[in-house]
C-alpha atoms as a PDB file:
ATOM      1  CA  MET A   1     141.114  80.767 155.099  1.00  0.00           C
ATOM      2  CA  ILE A   2     141.394  84.520 155.379  1.00  0.00           C
ATOM      3  CA  LEU A   3     141.644  87.059 158.179  1.00  0.00           C
ATOM      4  CA  ALA A   4     138.798  89.564 158.378  1.00  0.00           C
ATOM      5  CA  ARG A   5     137.295  92.133 160.732  1.00  0.00           C
ATOM      6  CA  VAL A   6     133.619  92.087 161.641  1.00  0.00           C
ATOM      7  CA  ILE A   7     131.976  95.288 160.389  1.00  0.00           C
ATOM      8  CA  GLY A   8     128.512  94.584 161.776  1.00  0.00           C
ATOM      9  CA  PRO A   9     125.382  92.447 161.573  1.00  0.00           C
ATOM     10  CA  VAL A  10     123.304  91.692 158.501  1.00  0.00           C
ATOM     11  CA  VAL A  11     119.636  91.435 159.490  1.00  0.00           C
ATOM     12  CA  SER A  12     117.548  88.960 157.508  1.00  0.00           C
ATOM     13  CA  THR A  13     114.227  87.775 158.904  1.00  0.00           C
ATOM     14  CA  VAL A  14     113.545  85.510 155.915  1.00  0.00           C
ATOM     15  CA  LYS A  15     116.302  83.006 155.023  1.00  0.00           C
ATOM     16  CA  VAL A  16     116.660  79.586 153.446  1.00  0.00           C
ATOM     17  CA  LYS A  17     116.255  76.753 155.946  1.00  0.00           C
ATOM     18  CA  PRO A  18     119.988  75.929 156.425  1.00  0.00           C
ATOM     19  CA  LEU A  19     120.548  79.511 157.645  1.00  0.00           C
ATOM     20  CA  ASP A  20     117.704  79.510 160.187  1.00  0.00           C
ATOM     21  CA  GLY A  21     119.106  80.223 163.635  1.00  0.00           C
ATOM     22  CA  HIS A  22     122.439  81.488 162.315  1.00  0.00           C
ATOM     23  CA  LYS A  23     123.625  85.067 162.676  1.00  0.00           C
ATOM     24  CA  LEU A  24     124.923  86.760 159.531  1.00  0.00           C
ATOM     25  CA  LEU A  25     127.789  89.248 159.795  1.00  0.00           C
ATOM     26  CA  ARG A  26     129.434  91.588 157.313  1.00  0.00           C
ATOM     27  CA  VAL A  27     133.198  91.058 157.380  1.00  0.00           C
ATOM     28  CA  ARG A  28     136.049  92.719 155.508  1.00  0.00           C
ATOM     29  CA  PRO A  29     139.411  91.035 154.805  1.00  0.00           C
ATOM     30  CA  VAL A  30     142.440  92.439 156.646  1.00  0.00           C
ATOM     31  CA  ASN A  31     146.214  92.129 156.457  1.00  0.00           C
ATOM     32  CA  PRO A  32     148.144  90.807 159.495  1.00  0.00           C
ATOM     33  CA  ASP A  33     148.818  94.437 160.510  1.00  0.00           C
ATOM     34  CA  GLY A  34     145.052  95.064 160.690  1.00  0.00           C
ATOM     35  CA  SER A  35     144.724  97.213 157.570  1.00  0.00           C
ATOM     36  CA  PHE A  36     141.812  96.416 155.263  1.00  0.00           C
ATOM     37  CA  SER A  37     142.682  94.496 152.104  1.00  0.00           C
ATOM     38  CA  GLY A  38     139.477  93.965 150.147  1.00  0.00           C
ATOM     39  CA  SER A  39     135.732  94.374 149.858  1.00  0.00           C
ATOM     40  CA  SER A  40     133.295  93.282 152.546  1.00  0.00           C
ATOM     41  CA  ILE A  41     131.399  89.988 152.345  1.00  0.00           C
ATOM     42  CA  VAL A  42     128.579  88.374 154.307  1.00  0.00           C
ATOM     43  CA  ALA A  43     129.492  85.358 156.452  1.00  0.00           C
ATOM     44  CA  VAL A  44     127.575  82.919 158.632  1.00  0.00           C
ATOM     45  CA  ASP A  45     128.733  83.297 162.249  1.00  0.00           C
ATOM     46  CA  THR A  46     129.437  79.964 163.978  1.00  0.00           C
ATOM     47  CA  VAL A  47     131.526  81.337 166.877  1.00  0.00           C
ATOM     48  CA  GLN A  48     129.503  84.254 168.322  1.00  0.00           C
ATOM     49  CA  ALA A  49     131.812  86.934 166.917  1.00  0.00           C
ATOM     50  CA  GLY A  50     131.010  90.599 167.432  1.00  0.00           C
ATOM     51  CA  LYS A  51     131.589  93.949 165.785  1.00  0.00           C
ATOM     52  CA  GLY A  52     135.288  94.809 165.678  1.00  0.00           C
ATOM     53  CA  ASP A  53     136.507  91.223 166.205  1.00  0.00           C
ATOM     54  CA  THR A  54     139.249  89.907 163.949  1.00  0.00           C
ATOM     55  CA  VAL A  55     138.095  86.512 162.709  1.00  0.00           C
ATOM     56  CA  ILE A  56     139.174  83.540 160.614  1.00  0.00           C
ATOM     57  CA  VAL A  57     136.875  83.166 157.624  1.00  0.00           C
ATOM     58  CA  ILE A  58     136.430  80.169 155.349  1.00  0.00           C
ATOM     59  CA  ASP A  59     135.402  81.501 151.952  1.00  0.00           C
ATOM     60  CA  GLU A  60     134.873  78.346 149.919  1.00  0.00           C
ATOM     61  CA  GLY A  61     131.439  76.814 149.528  1.00  0.00           C
ATOM     62  CA  GLY A  62     132.220  73.133 150.112  1.00  0.00           C
ATOM     63  CA  SER A  63     134.112  73.659 153.368  1.00  0.00           C
ATOM     64  CA  ALA A  64     131.614  76.240 154.597  1.00  0.00           C
ATOM     65  CA  GLY A  65     128.727  73.828 154.093  1.00  0.00           C
ATOM     66  CA  VAL A  66     130.571  71.062 155.944  1.00  0.00           C
ATOM     67  CA  MET A  67     131.091  73.393 158.933  1.00  0.00           C
ATOM     68  CA  LEU A  68     127.331  73.881 159.138  1.00  0.00           C
ATOM     69  CA  GLY A  69     126.698  70.162 158.694  1.00  0.00           C
ATOM     70  CA  GLU A  70     124.929  70.912 155.415  1.00  0.00           C
ATOM     71  CA  THR A  71     126.788  69.827 152.293  1.00  0.00           C
ATOM     72  CA  GLY A  72     125.361  71.077 149.027  1.00  0.00           C
ATOM     73  CA  GLN A  73     123.658  74.060 150.681  1.00  0.00           C
ATOM     74  CA  PRO A  74     123.778  77.696 149.517  1.00  0.00           C
ATOM     75  CA  VAL A  75     126.539  78.739 151.926  1.00  0.00           C
ATOM     76  CA  ARG A  76     129.915  80.010 150.770  1.00  0.00           C
ATOM     77  CA  THR A  77     131.412  81.965 153.679  1.00  0.00           C
ATOM     78  CA  VAL A  78     131.594  80.971 157.369  1.00  0.00           C
ATOM     79  CA  ILE A  79     133.355  82.521 160.367  1.00  0.00           C
ATOM     80  CA  ALA A  80     135.414  79.676 161.841  1.00  0.00           C
ATOM     81  CA  GLY A  81     137.268  81.391 164.697  1.00  0.00           C
ATOM     82  CA  ILE A  82     137.977  84.569 166.641  1.00  0.00           C
ATOM     83  CA  VAL A  83     141.621  85.694 166.513  1.00  0.00           C
ATOM     84  CA  ASP A  84     143.318  86.442 169.841  1.00  0.00           C
ATOM     85  CA  GLY A  85     146.623  87.558 168.333  1.00  0.00           C
ATOM     86  CA  ILE A  86     148.805  87.387 165.242  1.00  0.00           C
ATOM     87  CA  GLU A  87     152.547  86.822 165.452  1.00  0.00           C
ATOM     88  CA  THR A  88     154.544  88.317 162.613  1.00  0.00           C
ATOM     89  CA  GLU A  89     158.291  88.502 162.090  1.00  0.00           C
ATOM     90  CA  GLU A  90     158.263  92.117 163.251  1.00  0.00           C
ATOM     91  CA  LYS A  91     156.047  91.951 166.361  1.00  0.00           C
ATOM     92  CA  VAL A  92     153.039  90.360 168.016  1.00  0.00           C
ATOM     93  CA  GLN A  93     149.761  92.136 167.158  1.00  0.00           C
END
């Protein structure tokens, strides 16, 4: 699992059947301090996340498919949770 921030929606009116009814969001990995740490990726939203939210992302195909109830489907990345706070040794974010 990785931490990421929601950058915004990805609009796709034509999708494969397992993605029908699911919102797609562009997310970018972040460090615990909130700074960006990688390139953005597209994820299936299962928790109604919104722009600016820090989220927990599963970025491994098998687990992502299981979360959608669709094993063996063309899904790699799923948003699994919205982060309320992150406790580090230095302080609570």
